[in-house]
């Protein structure tokens, strides 16, 4: 079986000669050859799963920023998160889980049931306001008393504060907003509210289209971010997270270490959901698109992702994008507060170009 090693050597030398003589060789061709070489493993080498390859590549990519945070934004909101089986709660409320439909405002237990089923079928999280105080208290009591229900500190500010407080360098108050984290619901809500570029998120198998998401993020930063010296806004960074992938977008010249940041956010999504300290490749799976277009409204680039280099980068004007897949936990132990943990982890691995910020 020695011939495979010889083939790898011959192909590698050939590619090197070809690239030196043809520097204009398209990146897609080089990537294809690189992927092909990686498949020619020497005999006896254990075959790595795509999940192992991705987790290992993240560990290599993620580095602590040279400049650590010294200030952090402090928000005030807290609550108690009750974690339990959604199906179990419906049964405790004498509701049969059927007939999914989305309601922007919940007024009855039936509305709750239909909205829960609607988003459960799509595999995405949702938040809705419940307008009837008495019924809401009955539901909350039933949830709290459900056998095996767990109680945690909740609320965006409290959860992010818990994460950031573990870093001893974070002791002061950061009074202005430079970065926000958004999921697909929040992203679409912003676009709908102020006449953004897309009124719906195209999706395939429940995964939002990367080009559509990229268009909305670009529009938010262009319309409401600090993209020129006259802007009074401080917003220069958006961390978008959905079940299958994350996108970080920054205005050029303000942020550093964003490859590590987006990779760290994706990595913690898998570990926190599974309740592990590191990625367990047997408990996660990959669902992200490995080929996608970067826009639906402007000139687009088609990107093919190499899992051994799992952060794709592109830019549109002065806005820079960073994409990476997520390893989804097959049997999650806890998803409450996951988006807040992702945003906080991404910030911890970010650094700012200090002379560009007014603190």
Protein backbone atom coordinates (compact mmCIF):
# COMPACT_ATOMS: atom_id res chain seq x y z
CA UNK A 1 0.00 0.00 0.00
CA UNK A 2 3.06 2.22 -0.25
CA UNK A 3 1.80 3.57 -3.55
CA UNK A 4 -0.58 6.06 -1.88
CA UNK A 5 2.32 7.81 -0.17
CA UNK A 6 4.13 8.02 -3.51
CA UNK A 7 1.01 9.41 -5.20
CA UNK A 8 0.65 12.08 -2.50
CA UNK A 9 4.27 13.13 -3.03
CA UNK A 10 3.97 13.27 -6.82
CA UNK A 11 0.73 15.25 -6.72
CA UNK A 12 2.13 17.69 -4.14
CA UNK A 13 5.23 18.37 -6.25
CA UNK A 14 3.08 18.76 -9.38
CA UNK A 15 0.73 21.20 -7.70
CA UNK A 16 3.66 23.23 -6.39
CA UNK A 17 5.23 23.45 -9.87
CA UNK A 18 1.86 24.29 -11.43
CA UNK A 19 1.14 27.06 -8.92
CA UNK A 20 4.60 28.64 -9.32
CA UNK A 21 4.22 28.67 -13.09
CA UNK A 22 0.52 29.66 -12.97
CA UNK A 23 0.03 32.08 -10.05
CA UNK A 24 -3.36 33.06 -11.48
CA UNK A 25 -4.69 29.54 -10.81
CA UNK A 26 -8.22 29.98 -9.40
CA UNK A 27 -8.65 29.54 -5.65
CA UNK A 28 -11.48 27.05 -6.22
CA UNK A 29 -9.09 24.76 -8.17
CA UNK A 30 -6.45 24.98 -5.46
CA UNK A 31 -9.05 24.24 -2.81
CA UNK A 32 -10.27 21.21 -4.75
CA UNK A 33 -6.73 19.87 -5.04
CA UNK A 34 -6.12 20.53 -1.35
CA UNK A 35 -9.26 18.63 -0.39
CA UNK A 36 -8.29 15.76 -2.72
CA UNK A 37 -4.83 15.50 -1.16
CA UNK A 38 -6.30 15.36 2.32
CA UNK A 39 -8.35 12.32 1.26
CA UNK A 40 -5.21 10.35 0.28
CA UNK A 41 -4.28 9.32 3.80
CA UNK A 42 -1.48 6.83 4.37
CA UNK A 43 -2.73 3.29 5.08
CA UNK A 44 -3.46 2.59 8.70
CA UNK A 45 -4.28 6.21 9.49
CA UNK A 46 -7.57 6.50 11.42
CA UNK A 47 -10.25 8.15 9.31
CA UNK A 48 -11.40 11.41 10.90
CA UNK A 49 -15.02 12.45 10.83
CA UNK A 50 -16.01 15.87 9.54
CA UNK A 51 -16.92 16.78 13.13
CA UNK A 52 -13.44 15.86 14.38
CA UNK A 53 -11.83 17.77 11.52
CA UNK A 54 -13.86 20.89 12.26
CA UNK A 55 -13.33 20.78 16.04
CA UNK A 56 -9.58 20.32 15.60
CA UNK A 57 -9.41 23.18 13.09
CA UNK A 58 -11.20 25.50 15.54
CA UNK A 59 -8.73 24.64 18.29
CA UNK A 60 -5.89 25.58 15.95
CA UNK A 61 -7.51 28.82 14.79
CA UNK A 62 -8.68 30.19 18.13
CA UNK A 63 -6.13 32.43 19.84
CA UNK A 64 -6.51 34.80 22.75
CA UNK A 65 -6.33 38.45 21.57
CA UNK A 66 -3.21 40.41 22.40
CA UNK A 67 -5.26 43.20 23.99
CA UNK A 68 -7.65 41.96 26.68
CA UNK A 69 -10.90 43.68 27.60
CA UNK A 70 -10.85 46.19 30.44
CA UNK A 71 -14.37 47.57 30.16
CA UNK A 72 -17.72 45.90 29.70
CA UNK A 73 -21.28 47.07 29.13
CA UNK A 74 -23.58 46.48 32.09
CA UNK A 75 -27.27 45.91 31.43
CA UNK A 76 -29.99 45.52 34.03
CA UNK A 77 -32.40 42.64 33.57
CA UNK A 78 -32.69 39.28 35.24
CA UNK A 79 -35.24 36.53 35.66
CA UNK A 80 -35.49 32.85 36.48
CA UNK A 81 -35.28 30.42 33.55
CA UNK A 82 -37.24 27.20 34.07
CA UNK A 83 -35.86 24.37 31.93
CA UNK A 84 -38.14 21.41 31.27
CA UNK A 85 -39.64 19.30 28.51
CA UNK A 86 -41.88 21.42 26.29
CA UNK A 87 -44.03 18.40 25.42
CA UNK A 88 -44.25 17.58 29.12
CA UNK A 89 -45.46 21.09 29.94
CA UNK A 90 -48.17 20.92 27.27
CA UNK A 91 -49.34 17.60 28.70
CA UNK A 92 -49.37 19.09 32.22
CA UNK A 93 -51.60 21.85 30.85
CA UNK A 94 -53.89 19.22 29.26
CA UNK A 95 -52.87 20.28 25.74
CA UNK A 96 -52.16 17.90 22.85
CA UNK A 97 -49.09 18.96 20.80
CA UNK A 98 -50.62 19.41 17.33
CA UNK A 99 -51.47 22.18 14.86
CA UNK A 100 -48.44 24.47 14.62
CA UNK A 101 -49.00 28.20 13.97
CA UNK A 102 -46.97 31.32 14.85
CA UNK A 103 -48.58 34.04 17.00
CA UNK A 104 -46.70 37.29 17.63
CA UNK A 105 -48.63 37.77 20.91
CA UNK A 106 -49.82 34.83 23.01
CA UNK A 107 -53.25 35.28 24.60
CA UNK A 108 -54.31 31.72 25.43
CA UNK A 109 -52.83 28.33 26.26
CA UNK A 110 -53.88 27.20 22.78
CA UNK A 111 -51.78 30.02 21.26
CA UNK A 112 -48.83 28.81 23.35
CA UNK A 113 -49.29 25.23 22.16
CA UNK A 114 -49.54 26.13 18.47
CA UNK A 115 -46.54 28.49 18.60
CA UNK A 116 -44.44 25.89 20.42
CA UNK A 117 -45.26 23.23 17.83
CA UNK A 118 -44.61 25.66 14.96
CA UNK A 119 -41.05 26.43 16.08
CA UNK A 120 -40.31 22.90 17.31
CA UNK A 121 -40.93 21.62 13.78
CA UNK A 122 -38.44 24.19 12.45
CA UNK A 123 -35.86 23.43 15.14
CA UNK A 124 -35.38 27.08 16.13
CA UNK A 125 -35.88 29.09 19.30
CA UNK A 126 -38.53 31.77 19.71
CA UNK A 127 -39.62 34.37 22.25
CA UNK A 128 -43.19 35.65 22.50
CA UNK A 129 -45.05 38.03 24.81
CA UNK A 130 -47.94 36.50 26.82
CA UNK A 131 -50.65 39.11 27.32
CA UNK A 132 -52.89 37.41 29.94
CA UNK A 133 -51.21 37.79 33.34
CA UNK A 134 -53.40 35.30 35.19
CA UNK A 135 -52.99 32.51 32.63
CA UNK A 136 -49.27 33.21 32.35
CA UNK A 137 -48.85 32.77 36.12
CA UNK A 138 -50.71 29.46 35.92
CA UNK A 139 -48.38 28.26 33.16
CA UNK A 140 -45.29 29.45 35.05
CA UNK A 141 -46.43 27.63 38.20
CA UNK A 142 -47.09 24.43 36.26
CA UNK A 143 -43.62 24.69 34.67
CA UNK A 144 -41.89 25.36 38.00
CA UNK A 145 -43.60 22.41 39.70
CA UNK A 146 -43.06 19.99 36.82
CA UNK A 147 -41.04 16.91 37.96
CA UNK A 148 -37.39 17.37 37.06
CA UNK A 149 -37.72 21.05 36.12
CA UNK A 150 -34.47 22.99 36.60
CA UNK A 151 -34.15 26.63 37.63
CA UNK A 152 -31.36 28.92 36.40
CA UNK A 153 -30.47 32.58 36.47
CA UNK A 154 -31.89 34.10 33.27
CA UNK A 155 -32.12 37.34 31.32
CA UNK A 156 -29.68 38.50 28.65
CA UNK A 157 -27.77 40.91 30.86
CA UNK A 158 -27.47 38.47 33.75
CA UNK A 159 -26.25 35.60 31.56
CA UNK A 160 -23.71 37.69 29.66
CA UNK A 161 -22.61 39.26 32.94
CA UNK A 162 -22.00 35.82 34.45
CA UNK A 163 -19.83 34.84 31.49
CA UNK A 164 -17.83 38.05 31.38
CA UNK A 165 -17.41 38.24 35.14
CA UNK A 166 -15.21 35.12 35.01
CA UNK A 167 -12.57 37.27 33.27
CA UNK A 168 -10.73 39.19 36.03
CA UNK A 169 -9.75 42.00 33.64
CA UNK A 170 -13.37 43.09 33.19
CA UNK A 171 -14.02 45.53 36.02
CA UNK A 172 -15.24 48.79 34.53
CA UNK A 173 -18.32 50.01 32.73
CA UNK A 174 -18.45 50.30 28.94
CA UNK A 175 -21.15 52.97 28.47
CA UNK A 176 -21.85 52.76 24.72
CA UNK A 177 -22.87 49.94 22.36
CA UNK A 178 -20.37 48.95 19.69
CA UNK A 179 -21.50 45.38 19.09
CA UNK A 180 -24.75 43.40 19.10
CA UNK A 181 -25.63 39.71 18.87
CA UNK A 182 -28.67 38.62 16.86
CA UNK A 183 -30.43 35.37 16.02
CA UNK A 184 -32.55 34.85 12.90
CA UNK A 185 -35.75 36.00 14.59
CA UNK A 186 -34.20 39.26 15.78
CA UNK A 187 -32.44 39.88 12.46
CA UNK A 188 -35.65 39.47 10.48
CA UNK A 189 -37.61 41.60 12.95
CA UNK A 190 -35.21 44.51 12.42
CA UNK A 191 -35.41 44.16 8.64
CA UNK A 192 -39.22 44.08 8.69
CA UNK A 193 -39.55 46.95 11.16
CA UNK A 194 -37.60 49.49 9.16
CA UNK A 195 -38.06 48.34 5.55
CA UNK A 196 -34.89 46.31 5.18
CA UNK A 197 -33.80 44.32 2.12
CA UNK A 198 -35.64 41.06 2.88
CA UNK A 199 -39.04 40.47 4.47
CA UNK A 200 -38.49 36.74 4.94
CA UNK A 201 -35.53 34.44 5.49
CA UNK A 202 -35.13 31.89 2.72
CA UNK A 203 -34.13 28.59 4.25
CA UNK A 204 -33.32 25.03 3.29
CA UNK A 205 -33.97 22.27 5.82
CA UNK A 206 -34.48 24.97 8.43
CA UNK A 207 -31.12 26.66 7.73
CA UNK A 208 -31.39 30.38 6.80
CA UNK A 209 -29.85 31.32 3.45
CA UNK A 210 -26.38 32.81 4.00
CA UNK A 211 -26.79 35.38 1.21
CA UNK A 212 -30.03 36.71 2.68
CA UNK A 213 -28.54 36.95 6.18
CA UNK A 214 -25.46 38.67 4.78
CA UNK A 215 -27.61 41.23 2.94
CA UNK A 216 -29.55 42.18 6.08
CA UNK A 217 -26.39 42.45 8.21
CA UNK A 218 -24.73 44.62 5.56
CA UNK A 219 -27.80 46.86 5.40
CA UNK A 220 -27.98 47.28 9.21
CA UNK A 221 -24.33 48.33 9.44
CA UNK A 222 -24.63 50.65 6.45
CA UNK A 223 -27.84 52.29 7.66
CA UNK A 224 -27.27 52.34 11.41
CA UNK A 225 -23.57 51.65 11.96
CA UNK A 226 -20.46 53.78 12.08
CA UNK A 227 -19.44 53.46 8.45
CA UNK A 228 -18.18 57.01 8.02
CA UNK A 229 -16.57 59.68 10.17
CA UNK A 230 -19.76 61.76 10.31
CA UNK A 231 -21.88 58.99 11.79
CA UNK A 232 -22.98 59.45 15.40
CA UNK A 233 -23.48 55.71 15.81
CA UNK A 234 -20.94 53.49 17.56
CA UNK A 235 -22.19 50.21 16.10
CA UNK A 236 -19.37 48.49 14.22
CA UNK A 237 -19.91 44.77 14.86
CA UNK A 238 -22.76 42.24 14.51
CA UNK A 239 -22.53 38.63 15.68
CA UNK A 240 -25.28 36.61 14.00
CA UNK A 241 -25.97 33.10 15.27
CA UNK A 242 -28.38 30.46 14.05
CA UNK A 243 -28.49 26.74 14.78
CA UNK A 244 -26.26 25.67 11.88
CA UNK A 245 -23.76 28.53 11.48
CA UNK A 246 -22.50 31.90 12.70
CA UNK A 247 -21.58 35.09 10.83
CA UNK A 248 -19.55 37.94 12.27
CA UNK A 249 -19.54 41.25 10.41
CA UNK A 250 -17.43 44.27 11.30
CA UNK A 251 -16.81 47.72 9.92
CA UNK A 252 -13.22 47.80 8.74
CA UNK A 253 -10.60 49.29 11.03
CA UNK A 254 -12.34 48.78 14.39
CA UNK A 255 -11.99 45.13 15.41
CA UNK A 256 -9.26 42.49 15.46
CA UNK A 257 -9.03 38.73 16.03
CA UNK A 258 -12.45 38.10 14.49
CA UNK A 259 -11.54 34.72 12.99
CA UNK A 260 -10.88 33.47 16.52
CA UNK A 261 -13.99 35.26 17.76
CA UNK A 262 -16.46 33.63 15.37
CA UNK A 263 -14.82 30.22 15.82
CA UNK A 264 -14.94 30.53 19.62
CA UNK A 265 -18.63 31.45 19.52
CA UNK A 266 -19.44 28.44 17.34
CA UNK A 267 -17.37 26.11 19.51
CA UNK A 268 -19.10 27.14 22.74
CA UNK A 269 -22.50 26.54 21.09
CA UNK A 270 -21.63 22.84 20.81
CA UNK A 271 -20.03 22.46 24.22
CA UNK A 272 -22.67 24.37 26.20
CA UNK A 273 -25.62 22.63 24.54
CA UNK A 274 -24.09 19.21 25.18
CA UNK A 275 -22.85 20.12 28.66
CA UNK A 276 -19.22 19.26 27.88
CA UNK A 277 -15.91 21.08 28.34
CA UNK A 278 -14.78 20.31 24.78
CA UNK A 279 -16.42 19.16 21.57
CA UNK A 280 -17.46 15.50 21.69
CA UNK A 281 -17.52 14.55 18.02
CA UNK A 282 -19.84 11.61 18.66
CA UNK A 283 -22.54 13.83 20.15
CA UNK A 284 -22.65 16.55 17.48
CA UNK A 285 -23.40 16.80 13.78
CA UNK A 286 -22.83 19.26 10.93
CA UNK A 287 -25.78 20.85 9.13
CA UNK A 288 -24.31 24.08 7.75
CA UNK A 289 -24.06 24.68 3.99
CA UNK A 290 -20.49 24.16 2.81
CA UNK A 291 -21.18 26.02 -0.45
CA UNK A 292 -23.10 29.28 -0.52
CA UNK A 293 -23.46 32.65 -2.21
CA UNK A 294 -22.55 35.74 -0.20
CA UNK A 295 -25.45 37.93 -1.36
CA UNK A 296 -28.89 37.85 -2.97
CA UNK A 297 -29.09 41.55 -3.84
CA UNK A 298 -25.57 42.50 -4.93
CA UNK A 299 -22.67 41.01 -6.85
CA UNK A 300 -22.10 37.69 -5.15
CA UNK A 301 -19.18 35.37 -4.55
CA UNK A 302 -19.70 31.61 -4.38
CA UNK A 303 -17.76 30.16 -1.46
CA UNK A 304 -16.81 26.52 -0.92
CA UNK A 305 -15.75 25.92 2.67
CA UNK A 306 -12.80 23.69 3.53
CA UNK A 307 -13.41 22.18 6.97
CA UNK A 308 -9.71 22.16 7.78
CA UNK A 309 -9.87 25.97 7.35
CA UNK A 310 -13.39 26.47 8.66
CA UNK A 311 -13.73 30.26 8.69
CA UNK A 312 -14.71 31.80 5.36
CA UNK A 313 -13.96 35.51 4.88
CA UNK A 314 -15.24 38.07 2.40
CA UNK A 315 -15.99 41.78 2.33
CA UNK A 316 -18.49 44.13 0.76
CA UNK A 317 -17.35 47.74 0.62
CA UNK A 318 -15.78 48.39 4.03
CA UNK A 319 -17.72 45.68 5.88
CA UNK A 320 -15.93 42.39 6.56
CA UNK A 321 -17.69 39.04 7.02
CA UNK A 322 -16.55 35.89 8.85
CA UNK A 323 -18.55 32.65 8.50
CA UNK A 324 -18.13 29.33 10.30
CA UNK A 325 -20.35 26.25 10.75
CA UNK A 326 -21.71 25.08 14.10
CA UNK A 327 -21.55 21.52 15.41
CA UNK A 328 -25.10 20.89 16.61
CA UNK A 329 -25.63 18.82 19.74
CA UNK A 330 -27.69 15.70 18.97
CA UNK A 331 -29.18 15.47 22.44
CA UNK A 332 -28.88 18.92 24.05
CA UNK A 333 -28.98 19.16 27.82
CA UNK A 334 -29.58 22.92 27.93
CA UNK A 335 -30.29 25.52 25.27
CA UNK A 336 -31.63 28.34 27.46
CA UNK A 337 -29.20 31.26 27.35
CA UNK A 338 -27.18 29.68 24.55
CA UNK A 339 -27.28 32.82 22.37
CA UNK A 340 -26.00 34.93 25.26
CA UNK A 341 -23.14 32.51 25.90
CA UNK A 342 -22.24 32.66 22.20
CA UNK A 343 -22.21 36.48 22.14
CA UNK A 344 -20.14 36.68 25.34
CA UNK A 345 -17.60 34.09 24.15
CA UNK A 346 -17.21 35.90 20.84
CA UNK A 347 -16.53 39.17 22.63
CA UNK A 348 -13.97 37.60 24.95
CA UNK A 349 -11.93 36.53 21.93
CA UNK A 350 -12.29 39.92 20.20
CA UNK A 351 -10.11 42.96 20.56
CA UNK A 352 -10.60 46.53 19.43
CA UNK A 353 -8.32 49.00 17.72
CA UNK A 354 -8.26 51.40 20.61
CA UNK A 355 -7.63 54.70 18.84
CA UNK A 356 -10.84 54.17 16.83
CA UNK A 357 -13.09 53.91 19.89
CA UNK A 358 -14.46 56.65 22.11
CA UNK A 359 -14.82 54.98 25.50
